[in-house]
PDB file of all heavy atoms in Angstrom:
ATOM      1  N   LYS A   1       1.253  -0.226 -15.087  1.00  0.00           N
ATOM      2  CA  LYS A   1       1.956  -1.314 -14.443  1.00  0.00           C
ATOM      3  C   LYS A   1       1.846  -2.546 -15.258  1.00  0.00           C
ATOM      4  O   LYS A   1       2.542  -3.523 -15.048  1.00  0.00           O
ATOM      5  CB  LYS A   1       1.473  -1.472 -13.094  1.00  0.00           C
ATOM      6  CG  LYS A   1      -0.100  -2.017 -13.048  1.00  0.00           C
ATOM      7  CD  LYS A   1      -0.588  -2.342 -11.636  1.00  0.00           C
ATOM      8  CE  LYS A   1      -1.963  -2.918 -11.693  1.00  0.00           C
ATOM      9  NZ  LYS A   1      -2.518  -3.128 -10.309  1.00  0.00           N
ATOM     10  N   LEU A   2       0.787  -2.620 -16.161  1.00  0.00           N
ATOM     11  CA  LEU A   2       0.638  -3.759 -17.071  1.00  0.00           C
ATOM     12  C   LEU A   2       1.377  -3.741 -18.373  1.00  0.00           C
ATOM     13  O   LEU A   2       1.298  -4.669 -19.099  1.00  0.00           O
ATOM     14  CB  LEU A   2      -0.788  -4.091 -17.187  1.00  0.00           C
ATOM     15  CG  LEU A   2      -1.373  -4.546 -15.930  1.00  0.00           C
ATOM     16  CD1 LEU A   2      -2.988  -4.622 -16.086  1.00  0.00           C
ATOM     17  CD2 LEU A   2      -1.091  -5.848 -15.643  1.00  0.00           C
ATOM     18  N   PHE A   3       1.980  -2.614 -18.604  1.00  0.00           N
ATOM     19  CA  PHE A   3       2.837  -2.560 -19.835  1.00  0.00           C
ATOM     20  C   PHE A   3       4.027  -3.443 -19.706  1.00  0.00           C
ATOM     21  O   PHE A   3       4.551  -3.515 -18.546  1.00  0.00           O
ATOM     22  CB  PHE A   3       3.167  -1.251 -20.202  1.00  0.00           C
ATOM     23  CG  PHE A   3       2.211  -0.370 -20.854  1.00  0.00           C
ATOM     24  CD1 PHE A   3       1.466   0.660 -20.137  1.00  0.00           C
ATOM     25  CD2 PHE A   3       1.725  -0.712 -22.211  1.00  0.00           C
ATOM     26  CE1 PHE A   3       0.507   1.386 -20.867  1.00  0.00           C
ATOM     27  CE2 PHE A   3       0.708   0.073 -22.754  1.00  0.00           C
ATOM     28  CZ  PHE A   3       0.055   1.014 -22.243  1.00  0.00           C
ATOM     29  N   PRO A   4       4.561  -4.069 -20.734  1.00  0.00           N
ATOM     30  CA  PRO A   4       5.783  -4.852 -20.516  1.00  0.00           C
ATOM     31  C   PRO A   4       6.940  -4.039 -20.158  1.00  0.00           C
ATOM     32  O   PRO A   4       7.056  -2.817 -20.406  1.00  0.00           O
ATOM     33  CB  PRO A   4       6.127  -5.498 -22.003  1.00  0.00           C
ATOM     34  CG  PRO A   4       5.303  -4.529 -22.871  1.00  0.00           C
ATOM     35  CD  PRO A   4       4.112  -4.144 -22.168  1.00  0.00           C
ATOM     36  N   GLY A   5       7.735  -4.648 -19.273  1.00  0.00           N
ATOM     37  CA  GLY A   5       8.890  -3.881 -18.856  1.00  0.00           C
ATOM     38  C   GLY A   5       9.967  -3.838 -19.760  1.00  0.00           C
ATOM     39  O   GLY A   5      10.002  -4.366 -20.908  1.00  0.00           O
ATOM     40  N   PRO A   6      11.057  -3.268 -19.486  1.00  0.00           N
ATOM     41  CA  PRO A   6      12.233  -3.193 -20.280  1.00  0.00           C
ATOM     42  C   PRO A   6      12.781  -4.422 -20.680  1.00  0.00           C
ATOM     43  O   PRO A   6      12.737  -5.513 -19.927  1.00  0.00           O
ATOM     44  CB  PRO A   6      13.267  -2.266 -19.601  1.00  0.00           C
ATOM     45  CG  PRO A   6      12.899  -2.448 -18.177  1.00  0.00           C
ATOM     46  CD  PRO A   6      11.401  -2.630 -18.150  1.00  0.00           C
ATOM     47  N   ILE A   7      13.253  -4.640 -21.978  1.00  0.00           N
ATOM     48  CA  ILE A   7      13.819  -5.930 -22.284  1.00  0.00           C
ATOM     49  C   ILE A   7      15.310  -6.121 -21.778  1.00  0.00           C
ATOM     50  O   ILE A   7      16.207  -5.347 -22.294  1.00  0.00           O
ATOM     51  CB  ILE A   7      13.820  -6.090 -23.831  1.00  0.00           C
ATOM     52  CG1 ILE A   7      12.327  -6.189 -24.380  1.00  0.00           C
ATOM     53  CG2 ILE A   7      14.561  -7.270 -24.240  1.00  0.00           C
ATOM     54  CD1 ILE A   7      12.225  -6.284 -25.822  1.00  0.00           C
ATOM     55  N   VAL A   8      15.438  -6.938 -20.798  1.00  0.00           N
ATOM     56  CA  VAL A   8      16.739  -7.207 -20.166  1.00  0.00           C
ATOM     57  C   VAL A   8      17.026  -8.712 -20.415  1.00  0.00           C
ATOM     58  O   VAL A   8      16.352  -9.563 -19.880  1.00  0.00           O
ATOM     59  CB  VAL A   8      16.680  -6.828 -18.672  1.00  0.00           C
ATOM     60  CG1 VAL A   8      18.020  -7.191 -18.093  1.00  0.00           C
ATOM     61  CG2 VAL A   8      16.324  -5.371 -18.368  1.00  0.00           C
ATOM     62  N   PRO A   9      18.045  -8.902 -21.245  1.00  0.00           N
ATOM     63  CA  PRO A   9      18.245 -10.450 -21.436  1.00  0.00           C
ATOM     64  C   PRO A   9      18.478 -11.222 -20.249  1.00  0.00           C
ATOM     65  O   PRO A   9      19.161 -10.640 -19.227  1.00  0.00           O
ATOM     66  CB  PRO A   9      19.603 -10.327 -22.224  1.00  0.00           C
ATOM     67  CG  PRO A   9      19.616  -9.083 -22.962  1.00  0.00           C
ATOM     68  CD  PRO A   9      18.930  -8.064 -21.886  1.00  0.00           C
ATOM     69  N   VAL A  10      17.808 -12.430 -20.155  1.00  0.00           N
ATOM     70  CA  VAL A  10      17.930 -13.317 -18.973  1.00  0.00           C
ATOM     71  C   VAL A  10      18.763 -14.464 -19.465  1.00  0.00           C
ATOM     72  O   VAL A  10      18.201 -15.370 -20.113  1.00  0.00           O
ATOM     73  CB  VAL A  10      16.589 -13.687 -18.376  1.00  0.00           C
ATOM     74  CG1 VAL A  10      16.734 -14.560 -17.258  1.00  0.00           C
ATOM     75  CG2 VAL A  10      15.608 -12.426 -18.155  1.00  0.00           C
ATOM     76  N   ARG A  11      20.047 -14.630 -19.086  1.00  0.00           N
ATOM     77  CA  ARG A  11      20.844 -15.696 -19.742  1.00  0.00           C
ATOM     78  C   ARG A  11      21.383 -16.515 -18.609  1.00  0.00           C
ATOM     79  O   ARG A  11      21.896 -17.642 -18.839  1.00  0.00           O
ATOM     80  CB  ARG A  11      22.058 -15.126 -20.429  1.00  0.00           C
ATOM     81  CG  ARG A  11      21.615 -14.320 -21.634  1.00  0.00           C
ATOM     82  CD  ARG A  11      21.068 -15.158 -22.685  1.00  0.00           C
ATOM     83  NE  ARG A  11      20.911 -14.271 -23.869  1.00  0.00           N
ATOM     84  CZ  ARG A  11      19.712 -13.805 -24.184  1.00  0.00           C
ATOM     85  NH1 ARG A  11      18.660 -13.888 -23.248  1.00  0.00           N
ATOM     86  NH2 ARG A  11      19.533 -13.004 -25.341  1.00  0.00           N
ATOM     87  N   ASP A  12      21.447 -16.149 -17.399  1.00  0.00           N
ATOM     88  CA  ASP A  12      21.957 -16.966 -16.269  1.00  0.00           C
ATOM     89  C   ASP A  12      21.049 -18.142 -15.951  1.00  0.00           C
ATOM     90  O   ASP A  12      19.891 -17.819 -15.717  1.00  0.00           O
ATOM     91  CB  ASP A  12      22.130 -16.075 -15.011  1.00  0.00           C
ATOM     92  CG  ASP A  12      22.546 -16.953 -13.873  1.00  0.00           C
ATOM     93  OD1 ASP A  12      23.740 -17.511 -13.893  1.00  0.00           O
ATOM     94  OD2 ASP A  12      21.933 -16.973 -12.860  1.00  0.00           O
ATOM     95  N   PRO A  13      21.458 -19.282 -16.144  1.00  0.00           N
ATOM     96  CA  PRO A  13      20.472 -20.499 -15.866  1.00  0.00           C
ATOM     97  C   PRO A  13      19.650 -20.404 -14.539  1.00  0.00           C
ATOM     98  O   PRO A  13      18.569 -20.686 -14.424  1.00  0.00           O
ATOM     99  CB  PRO A  13      21.452 -21.650 -15.816  1.00  0.00           C
ATOM    100  CG  PRO A  13      22.529 -21.218 -16.692  1.00  0.00           C
ATOM    101  CD  PRO A  13      22.809 -19.841 -16.433  1.00  0.00           C
ATOM    102  N   ALA A  14      20.318 -19.901 -13.452  1.00  0.00           N
ATOM    103  CA  ALA A  14      19.728 -19.809 -12.198  1.00  0.00           C
ATOM    104  C   ALA A  14      18.595 -18.744 -12.119  1.00  0.00           C
ATOM    105  O   ALA A  14      17.493 -18.926 -11.511  1.00  0.00           O
ATOM    106  CB  ALA A  14      20.616 -19.502 -10.984  1.00  0.00           C
ATOM    107  N   ALA A  15      18.900 -17.647 -12.922  1.00  0.00           N
ATOM    108  CA  ALA A  15      17.924 -16.544 -13.050  1.00  0.00           C
ATOM    109  C   ALA A  15      16.655 -17.023 -13.897  1.00  0.00           C
ATOM    110  O   ALA A  15      15.498 -16.708 -13.651  1.00  0.00           O
ATOM    111  CB  ALA A  15      18.564 -15.342 -13.637  1.00  0.00           C
ATOM    112  N   ILE A  16      16.952 -17.904 -14.933  1.00  0.00           N
ATOM    113  CA  ILE A  16      15.789 -18.442 -15.642  1.00  0.00           C
ATOM    114  C   ILE A  16      14.965 -19.277 -14.906  1.00  0.00           C
ATOM    115  O   ILE A  16      13.776 -19.191 -14.876  1.00  0.00           O
ATOM    116  CB  ILE A  16      16.541 -19.169 -16.836  1.00  0.00           C
ATOM    117  CG1 ILE A  16      17.129 -18.249 -17.886  1.00  0.00           C
ATOM    118  CG2 ILE A  16      15.330 -19.959 -17.638  1.00  0.00           C
ATOM    119  CD1 ILE A  16      17.862 -18.800 -19.076  1.00  0.00           C
ATOM    120  N   VAL A  17      15.527 -20.070 -14.103  1.00  0.00           N
ATOM    121  CA  VAL A  17      14.722 -20.978 -13.134  1.00  0.00           C
ATOM    122  C   VAL A  17      13.926 -20.196 -12.185  1.00  0.00           C
ATOM    123  O   VAL A  17      12.793 -20.513 -12.051  1.00  0.00           O
ATOM    124  CB  VAL A  17      15.729 -22.020 -12.383  1.00  0.00           C
ATOM    125  CG1 VAL A  17      14.896 -22.737 -11.320  1.00  0.00           C
ATOM    126  CG2 VAL A  17      16.312 -23.083 -13.440  1.00  0.00           C
ATOM    127  N   ALA A  18      14.533 -19.121 -11.703  1.00  0.00           N
ATOM    128  CA  ALA A  18      13.877 -18.332 -10.741  1.00  0.00           C
ATOM    129  C   ALA A  18      12.642 -17.685 -11.414  1.00  0.00           C
ATOM    130  O   ALA A  18      11.484 -17.568 -10.859  1.00  0.00           O
ATOM    131  CB  ALA A  18      14.736 -17.170 -10.128  1.00  0.00           C
ATOM    132  N   LEU A  19      12.782 -17.197 -12.607  1.00  0.00           N
ATOM    133  CA  LEU A  19      11.696 -16.695 -13.335  1.00  0.00           C
ATOM    134  C   LEU A  19      10.511 -17.643 -13.677  1.00  0.00           C
ATOM    135  O   LEU A  19       9.384 -17.407 -13.492  1.00  0.00           O
ATOM    136  CB  LEU A  19      12.203 -16.045 -14.690  1.00  0.00           C
ATOM    137  CG  LEU A  19      11.203 -15.497 -15.575  1.00  0.00           C
ATOM    138  CD1 LEU A  19      10.404 -14.270 -14.961  1.00  0.00           C
ATOM    139  CD2 LEU A  19      11.782 -14.954 -16.929  1.00  0.00           C
ATOM    140  N   LEU A  20      10.953 -18.881 -14.042  1.00  0.00           N
ATOM    141  CA  LEU A  20      10.052 -19.945 -14.322  1.00  0.00           C
ATOM    142  C   LEU A  20       9.332 -20.229 -13.068  1.00  0.00           C
ATOM    143  O   LEU A  20       8.066 -20.576 -13.102  1.00  0.00           O
ATOM    144  CB  LEU A  20      10.734 -21.086 -14.960  1.00  0.00           C
ATOM    145  CG  LEU A  20      11.465 -21.009 -16.283  1.00  0.00           C
ATOM    146  CD1 LEU A  20      12.247 -22.143 -16.616  1.00  0.00           C
ATOM    147  CD2 LEU A  20      10.441 -20.549 -17.404  1.00  0.00           C
ATOM    148  N   GLU A  21       9.919 -20.360 -11.877  1.00  0.00           N
ATOM    149  CA  GLU A  21       9.217 -20.715 -10.760  1.00  0.00           C
ATOM    150  C   GLU A  21       8.195 -19.603 -10.376  1.00  0.00           C
ATOM    151  O   GLU A  21       7.151 -19.914  -9.935  1.00  0.00           O
ATOM    152  CB  GLU A  21      10.297 -20.902  -9.542  1.00  0.00           C
ATOM    153  CG  GLU A  21      11.065 -22.149  -9.698  1.00  0.00           C
ATOM    154  CD  GLU A  21      12.183 -22.208  -8.639  1.00  0.00           C
ATOM    155  OE1 GLU A  21      12.610 -21.178  -8.017  1.00  0.00           O
ATOM    156  OE2 GLU A  21      12.727 -23.407  -8.463  1.00  0.00           O
ATOM    157  N   ARG A  22       8.631 -18.394 -10.611  1.00  0.00           N
ATOM    158  CA  ARG A  22       7.659 -17.221 -10.273  1.00  0.00           C
ATOM    159  C   ARG A  22       6.344 -17.335 -11.153  1.00  0.00           C
ATOM    160  O   ARG A  22       5.248 -17.151 -10.621  1.00  0.00           O
ATOM    161  CB  ARG A  22       8.334 -15.895 -10.518  1.00  0.00           C
ATOM    162  CG  ARG A  22       7.449 -14.642 -10.393  1.00  0.00           C
ATOM    163  CD  ARG A  22       8.190 -13.522  -9.956  1.00  0.00           C
ATOM    164  NE  ARG A  22       9.401 -13.282 -10.817  1.00  0.00           N
ATOM    165  CZ  ARG A  22       9.358 -12.310 -11.874  1.00  0.00           C
ATOM    166  NH1 ARG A  22       8.317 -11.542 -11.998  1.00  0.00           N
ATOM    167  NH2 ARG A  22      10.484 -12.140 -12.579  1.00  0.00           N
ATOM    168  N   VAL A  23       6.508 -17.711 -12.406  1.00  0.00           N
ATOM    169  CA  VAL A  23       5.258 -17.781 -13.256  1.00  0.00           C
ATOM    170  C   VAL A  23       4.542 -19.092 -12.877  1.00  0.00           C
ATOM    171  O   VAL A  23       3.319 -19.023 -12.857  1.00  0.00           O
ATOM    172  CB  VAL A  23       5.852 -17.915 -14.765  1.00  0.00           C
ATOM    173  CG1 VAL A  23       4.615 -18.196 -15.597  1.00  0.00           C
ATOM    174  CG2 VAL A  23       6.372 -16.550 -15.199  1.00  0.00           C
ATOM    175  N   ALA A  24       5.258 -20.310 -12.661  1.00  0.00           N
ATOM    176  CA  ALA A  24       4.557 -21.455 -12.358  1.00  0.00           C
ATOM    177  C   ALA A  24       3.798 -21.249 -11.035  1.00  0.00           C
ATOM    178  O   ALA A  24       2.593 -21.764 -10.813  1.00  0.00           O
ATOM    179  CB  ALA A  24       5.650 -22.550 -12.057  1.00  0.00           C
ATOM    180  N   ASP A  25       4.419 -20.660  -9.847  1.00  0.00           N
ATOM    181  CA  ASP A  25       3.708 -20.373  -8.692  1.00  0.00           C
ATOM    182  C   ASP A  25       2.464 -19.614  -8.885  1.00  0.00           C
ATOM    183  O   ASP A  25       1.371 -19.866  -8.341  1.00  0.00           O
ATOM    184  CB  ASP A  25       4.731 -19.737  -7.738  1.00  0.00           C
ATOM    185  CG  ASP A  25       5.793 -20.593  -7.232  1.00  0.00           C
ATOM    186  OD1 ASP A  25       5.791 -21.839  -7.393  1.00  0.00           O
ATOM    187  OD2 ASP A  25       6.815 -20.066  -6.768  1.00  0.00           O
ATOM    188  N   TRP A  26       2.571 -18.480  -9.653  1.00  0.00           N
ATOM    189  CA  TRP A  26       1.400 -17.622  -9.848  1.00  0.00           C
ATOM    190  C   TRP A  26       0.286 -18.465 -10.681  1.00  0.00           C
ATOM    191  O   TRP A  26      -0.828 -18.457 -10.294  1.00  0.00           O
ATOM    192  CB  TRP A  26       1.721 -16.428 -10.911  1.00  0.00           C
ATOM    193  CG  TRP A  26       0.613 -15.439 -11.062  1.00  0.00           C
ATOM    194  CD1 TRP A  26       0.350 -14.392 -10.213  1.00  0.00           C
ATOM    195  CD2 TRP A  26      -0.352 -15.629 -12.089  1.00  0.00           C
ATOM    196  NE1 TRP A  26      -0.752 -13.745 -10.700  1.00  0.00           N
ATOM    197  CE2 TRP A  26      -1.192 -14.465 -11.859  1.00  0.00           C
ATOM    198  CE3 TRP A  26      -0.563 -16.318 -13.123  1.00  0.00           C
ATOM    199  CZ2 TRP A  26      -2.402 -14.235 -12.760  1.00  0.00           C
ATOM    200  CZ3 TRP A  26      -1.701 -16.150 -14.022  1.00  0.00           C
ATOM    201  CH2 TRP A  26      -2.573 -15.160 -13.694  1.00  0.00           C
ATOM    202  N   GLN A  27       0.679 -19.374 -11.631  1.00  0.00           N
ATOM    203  CA  GLN A  27      -0.311 -20.092 -12.339  1.00  0.00           C
ATOM    204  C   GLN A  27      -1.061 -21.102 -11.449  1.00  0.00           C
ATOM    205  O   GLN A  27      -2.246 -21.295 -11.554  1.00  0.00           O
ATOM    206  CB  GLN A  27       0.363 -20.660 -13.534  1.00  0.00           C
ATOM    207  CG  GLN A  27      -0.684 -21.251 -14.675  1.00  0.00           C
ATOM    208  CD  GLN A  27      -1.604 -20.042 -15.083  1.00  0.00           C
ATOM    209  OE1 GLN A  27      -1.044 -19.245 -15.784  1.00  0.00           O
ATOM    210  NE2 GLN A  27      -2.787 -20.250 -14.754  1.00  0.00           N
ATOM    211  N   LEU A  28      -0.203 -21.819 -10.525  1.00  0.00           N
ATOM    212  CA  LEU A  28      -0.863 -22.762  -9.757  1.00  0.00           C
ATOM    213  C   LEU A  28      -1.842 -22.068  -8.753  1.00  0.00           C
ATOM    214  O   LEU A  28      -2.847 -22.775  -8.396  1.00  0.00           O
ATOM    215  CB  LEU A  28       0.226 -23.553  -8.895  1.00  0.00           C
ATOM    216  CG  LEU A  28       1.037 -24.504  -9.683  1.00  0.00           C
ATOM    217  CD1 LEU A  28       2.122 -25.177  -8.901  1.00  0.00           C
ATOM    218  CD2 LEU A  28       0.089 -25.636 -10.264  1.00  0.00           C
ATOM    219  N   ALA A  29      -1.599 -20.927  -8.436  1.00  0.00           N
ATOM    220  CA  ALA A  29      -2.463 -20.099  -7.417  1.00  0.00           C
ATOM    221  C   ALA A  29      -3.607 -19.533  -8.259  1.00  0.00           C
ATOM    222  O   ALA A  29      -4.597 -19.077  -7.504  1.00  0.00           O
ATOM    223  CB  ALA A  29      -1.739 -19.152  -6.674  1.00  0.00           C
ATOM    224  N   TRP A  30      -3.703 -19.378  -9.479  1.00  0.00           N
ATOM    225  CA  TRP A  30      -4.644 -18.565 -10.112  1.00  0.00           C
ATOM    226  C   TRP A  30      -5.988 -19.572 -10.338  1.00  0.00           C
ATOM    227  O   TRP A  30      -5.929 -20.740 -10.776  1.00  0.00           O
ATOM    228  CB  TRP A  30      -4.234 -18.451 -11.648  1.00  0.00           C
ATOM    229  CG  TRP A  30      -5.137 -17.539 -12.513  1.00  0.00           C
ATOM    230  CD1 TRP A  30      -5.656 -16.329 -12.236  1.00  0.00           C
ATOM    231  CD2 TRP A  30      -5.691 -17.888 -13.718  1.00  0.00           C
ATOM    232  NE1 TRP A  30      -6.415 -15.857 -13.170  1.00  0.00           N
ATOM    233  CE2 TRP A  30      -6.445 -16.714 -14.231  1.00  0.00           C
ATOM    234  CE3 TRP A  30      -5.575 -18.943 -14.666  1.00  0.00           C
ATOM    235  CZ2 TRP A  30      -7.104 -16.549 -15.421  1.00  0.00           C
ATOM    236  CZ3 TRP A  30      -6.226 -18.869 -15.941  1.00  0.00           C
ATOM    237  CH2 TRP A  30      -6.999 -17.764 -16.170  1.00  0.00           C
ATOM    238  N   PRO A  31      -7.104 -19.102  -9.808  1.00  0.00           N
ATOM    239  CA  PRO A  31      -8.341 -19.920  -9.860  1.00  0.00           C
ATOM    240  C   PRO A  31      -8.895 -20.157 -11.202  1.00  0.00           C
ATOM    241  O   PRO A  31      -8.988 -19.210 -11.941  1.00  0.00           O
ATOM    242  CB  PRO A  31      -9.265 -19.041  -9.027  1.00  0.00           C
ATOM    243  CG  PRO A  31      -8.742 -17.698  -9.207  1.00  0.00           C
ATOM    244  CD  PRO A  31      -7.321 -17.718  -9.307  1.00  0.00           C
ATOM    245  N   ASP A  32      -9.083 -21.252 -11.582  1.00  0.00           N
ATOM    246  CA  ASP A  32      -9.543 -21.705 -12.987  1.00  0.00           C
ATOM    247  C   ASP A  32     -10.748 -22.695 -12.747  1.00  0.00           C
ATOM    248  O   ASP A  32     -10.598 -23.831 -12.229  1.00  0.00           O
ATOM    249  CB  ASP A  32      -8.493 -22.269 -13.735  1.00  0.00           C
ATOM    250  CG  ASP A  32      -8.784 -22.376 -15.247  1.00  0.00           C
ATOM    251  OD1 ASP A  32      -9.997 -22.487 -15.479  1.00  0.00           O
ATOM    252  OD2 ASP A  32      -7.896 -22.452 -15.926  1.00  0.00           O
ATOM    253  N   LYS A  33     -11.941 -22.188 -13.167  1.00  0.00           N
ATOM    254  CA  LYS A  33     -13.087 -22.946 -12.861  1.00  0.00           C
ATOM    255  C   LYS A  33     -13.497 -24.004 -13.970  1.00  0.00           C
ATOM    256  O   LYS A  33     -14.498 -24.822 -13.967  1.00  0.00           O
ATOM    257  CB  LYS A  33     -14.237 -22.133 -12.725  1.00  0.00           C
ATOM    258  CG  LYS A  33     -14.243 -21.240 -11.426  1.00  0.00           C
ATOM    259  CD  LYS A  33     -15.420 -20.351 -11.239  1.00  0.00           C
ATOM    260  CE  LYS A  33     -15.354 -19.584 -10.073  1.00  0.00           C
ATOM    261  NZ  LYS A  33     -16.527 -18.641  -9.778  1.00  0.00           N
ATOM    262  N   ARG A  34     -12.601 -24.116 -15.121  1.00  0.00           N
ATOM    263  CA  ARG A  34     -12.923 -25.003 -16.046  1.00  0.00           C
ATOM    264  C   ARG A  34     -12.408 -26.435 -15.652  1.00  0.00           C
ATOM    265  O   ARG A  34     -11.685 -26.539 -14.642  1.00  0.00           O
ATOM    266  CB  ARG A  34     -12.064 -24.719 -17.466  1.00  0.00           C
ATOM    267  CG  ARG A  34     -12.568 -23.431 -18.141  1.00  0.00           C
ATOM    268  CD  ARG A  34     -11.568 -22.841 -19.082  1.00  0.00           C
ATOM    269  NE  ARG A  34     -10.392 -22.392 -18.517  1.00  0.00           N
ATOM    270  CZ  ARG A  34      -9.621 -21.463 -19.117  1.00  0.00           C
ATOM    271  NH1 ARG A  34      -9.892 -20.969 -20.304  1.00  0.00           N
ATOM    272  NH2 ARG A  34      -8.549 -20.992 -18.498  1.00  0.00           N
ATOM    273  N   ARG A  35     -12.983 -27.455 -16.186  1.00  0.00           N
ATOM    274  CA  ARG A  35     -12.771 -28.795 -15.718  1.00  0.00           C
ATOM    275  C   ARG A  35     -11.324 -29.027 -15.830  1.00  0.00           C
ATOM    276  O   ARG A  35     -10.551 -28.612 -16.730  1.00  0.00           O
ATOM    277  CB  ARG A  35     -13.564 -29.761 -16.694  1.00  0.00           C
ATOM    278  CG  ARG A  35     -13.392 -29.842 -18.047  1.00  0.00           C
ATOM    279  CD  ARG A  35     -14.333 -30.954 -18.756  1.00  0.00           C
ATOM    280  NE  ARG A  35     -14.423 -30.759 -20.203  1.00  0.00           N
ATOM    281  CZ  ARG A  35     -13.425 -31.155 -21.029  1.00  0.00           C
ATOM    282  NH1 ARG A  35     -12.387 -31.866 -20.588  1.00  0.00           N
ATOM    283  NH2 ARG A  35     -13.684 -30.984 -22.369  1.00  0.00           N
ATOM    284  N   ALA A  36     -10.845 -29.962 -15.058  1.00  0.00           N
ATOM    285  CA  ALA A  36      -9.435 -30.113 -14.897  1.00  0.00           C
ATOM    286  C   ALA A  36      -8.782 -30.826 -16.061  1.00  0.00           C
ATOM    287  O   ALA A  36      -7.588 -30.738 -16.243  1.00  0.00           O
ATOM    288  CB  ALA A  36      -9.025 -30.990 -13.672  1.00  0.00           C
ATOM    289  N   THR A  37      -9.564 -31.408 -16.946  1.00  0.00           N
ATOM    290  CA  THR A  37      -8.893 -32.136 -18.087  1.00  0.00           C
ATOM    291  C   THR A  37      -9.051 -31.015 -19.383  1.00  0.00           C
ATOM    292  O   THR A  37      -8.642 -31.462 -20.465  1.00  0.00           O
ATOM    293  CB  THR A  37      -9.655 -33.393 -18.472  1.00  0.00           C
ATOM    294  OG1 THR A  37     -11.052 -33.145 -18.643  1.00  0.00           O
ATOM    295  CG2 THR A  37      -9.392 -34.292 -17.481  1.00  0.00           C
ATOM    296  N   HIS A  38      -9.532 -29.954 -19.214  1.00  0.00           N
ATOM    297  CA  HIS A  38      -9.798 -29.041 -20.317  1.00  0.00           C
ATOM    298  C   HIS A  38      -8.378 -28.679 -20.979  1.00  0.00           C
ATOM    299  O   HIS A  38      -7.376 -28.547 -20.239  1.00  0.00           O
ATOM    300  CB  HIS A  38     -10.426 -27.738 -19.803  1.00  0.00           C
ATOM    301  CG  HIS A  38     -10.955 -26.918 -20.954  1.00  0.00           C
ATOM    302  ND1 HIS A  38     -10.216 -25.809 -21.528  1.00  0.00           N
ATOM    303  CD2 HIS A  38     -12.223 -26.806 -21.546  1.00  0.00           C
ATOM    304  CE1 HIS A  38     -10.972 -25.229 -22.483  1.00  0.00           C
ATOM    305  NE2 HIS A  38     -12.291 -25.851 -22.508  1.00  0.00           N
ATOM    306  N   TRP A  39      -8.355 -28.542 -22.286  1.00  0.00           N
ATOM    307  CA  TRP A  39      -7.058 -28.372 -23.008  1.00  0.00           C
ATOM    308  C   TRP A  39      -6.313 -27.062 -22.483  1.00  0.00           C
ATOM    309  O   TRP A  39      -5.134 -27.113 -22.502  1.00  0.00           O
ATOM    310  CB  TRP A  39      -7.266 -28.293 -24.465  1.00  0.00           C
ATOM    311  CG  TRP A  39      -8.119 -26.985 -24.963  1.00  0.00           C
ATOM    312  CD1 TRP A  39      -9.414 -26.816 -25.157  1.00  0.00           C
ATOM    313  CD2 TRP A  39      -7.413 -25.751 -25.331  1.00  0.00           C
ATOM    314  NE1 TRP A  39      -9.628 -25.517 -25.575  1.00  0.00           N
ATOM    315  CE2 TRP A  39      -8.626 -24.878 -25.602  1.00  0.00           C
ATOM    316  CE3 TRP A  39      -6.203 -25.193 -25.315  1.00  0.00           C
ATOM    317  CZ2 TRP A  39      -8.362 -23.613 -26.010  1.00  0.00           C
ATOM    318  CZ3 TRP A  39      -5.888 -23.855 -25.650  1.00  0.00           C
ATOM    319  CH2 TRP A  39      -7.022 -23.083 -25.979  1.00  0.00           C
ATOM    320  N   THR A  40      -7.021 -25.953 -22.088  1.00  0.00           N
ATOM    321  CA  THR A  40      -6.350 -24.796 -21.684  1.00  0.00           C
ATOM    322  C   THR A  40      -5.517 -25.218 -20.445  1.00  0.00           C
ATOM    323  O   THR A  40      -4.286 -24.842 -20.204  1.00  0.00           O
ATOM    324  CB  THR A  40      -7.380 -23.747 -21.315  1.00  0.00           C
ATOM    325  OG1 THR A  40      -8.447 -24.278 -20.334  1.00  0.00           O
ATOM    326  CG2 THR A  40      -8.052 -23.199 -22.530  1.00  0.00           C
ATOM    327  N   ARG A  41      -6.107 -25.844 -19.464  1.00  0.00           N
ATOM    328  CA  ARG A  41      -5.368 -26.179 -18.226  1.00  0.00           C
ATOM    329  C   ARG A  41      -4.409 -27.273 -18.439  1.00  0.00           C
ATOM    330  O   ARG A  41      -3.314 -27.196 -17.810  1.00  0.00           O
ATOM    331  CB  ARG A  41      -6.509 -26.663 -17.134  1.00  0.00           C
ATOM    332  CG  ARG A  41      -7.409 -25.531 -16.716  1.00  0.00           C
ATOM    333  CD  ARG A  41      -8.486 -26.026 -15.620  1.00  0.00           C
ATOM    334  NE  ARG A  41      -7.671 -26.226 -14.410  1.00  0.00           N
ATOM    335  CZ  ARG A  41      -8.268 -26.547 -13.287  1.00  0.00           C
ATOM    336  NH1 ARG A  41      -9.647 -26.811 -13.215  1.00  0.00           N
ATOM    337  NH2 ARG A  41      -7.608 -26.691 -12.124  1.00  0.00           N
TER     338      ARG A  41
END
């Protein structure tokens, strides 16, 4: 399940935004214990 999926071009602007929102939502929910000013965060 963790192997990359098939390469399917994402060209529709709305589909790109939807993908970005999915990644952003996951990242905001990911627990990160490093200080909030750390370069990674």
